[in-house]
Amino acid sequence: MAAYEARWTIEDLDFSRMALDRVRADENLFYMASSASFVESGSDLYTQNLVDFFRGDAEVVSWLRNQWEPEELQHGRTLRAYVHHAWPEFDWNTAYQDFLAEYATYCKVELLAPTRALEMAARCVVETGTATYYRALARATTEPVLRDLSNRIATDEVNHYKHFYGFFRRYREQEGVGRARVLATISKRTLELKSEDADCAIRHLVKARSPERATDASYVRELSARMSGTVRRNLKPGATLKMLMRPLELPATMQAVVQYPIRQFMQHVFLR
């Protein structure tokens, strides 16, 4: 694989343009940007799981190491920089280290899908979720730098999806995986979009930002529901649905039949 060249870098963001009055008092934006910064910054742990799982496939491993991981870690660095500029009083480093100690326990190869084709289908779901999240975040704010950053990350996530989908097709042919197993994997992974990763990040953010509420489970659930509501109000269901359905590779005559139940299922996930 050719040497990786970043499509954008943190230097492309002009933090001097930040409209602080549009974010400083917005607790929801703080938790959305900060939780994303935590999860993205821990991407190297998850990359190692995938590298171990796909060991022997030079094309996949090279892409994971040379493009996917650098871009995911760049997302973490830029989101961290944004949080630092918007909420400089927040001790990001300490909170992140506490998060990482717990998050590392969730990053296990045995938690991946049972076959390589199905894991690639699961990766498509994850990239659908992240692209949807950042697109929604961009629409949810009028702060120009956060909107710019969110759109850049969303574009990266869509590109990642395309790579995972291409790898999925190759492995599907090799393994002969049928639609029923692909659908089961997509359904399971979609239900996990609000996963331990995000819940873990929110808990540690609350512990650092509002320690008096660290053990208040109802408050943490309220924050999570508020974030989900922001995504739900600002997502474009058609685009998300198309990405989720693509690995099923349904004939045109079947797509119309399954679109409604899958759309209802997707809405249920974001309503949770």
Foldseek 3Di string as FASTA:
>chain_A
DDADDDPDALVVFDLVLWPLVFPLPPPLLLLLLLLLLLLLLLVVLQLVLVCVQPPPPVVVNCCSVRPVNVLSNRLNVNSVVVSCSNPVVFPSVVLSVVLCVVVSVVRHNVPADPDLLLSLLLLLLLLLLLLLLLQLQLVLTPTVRSVVSSNVSSVVSVVVSVVSLVVNVVVCVVVVDALVSSVVSLLVSLLCNVHPSSLSSLLSSCCRPPVVCSVVPVVSVVSVQVSLVSSLVRGDLVVSLCSSCVSSVDDPVCCVVCSVVVSVSNSVSSND
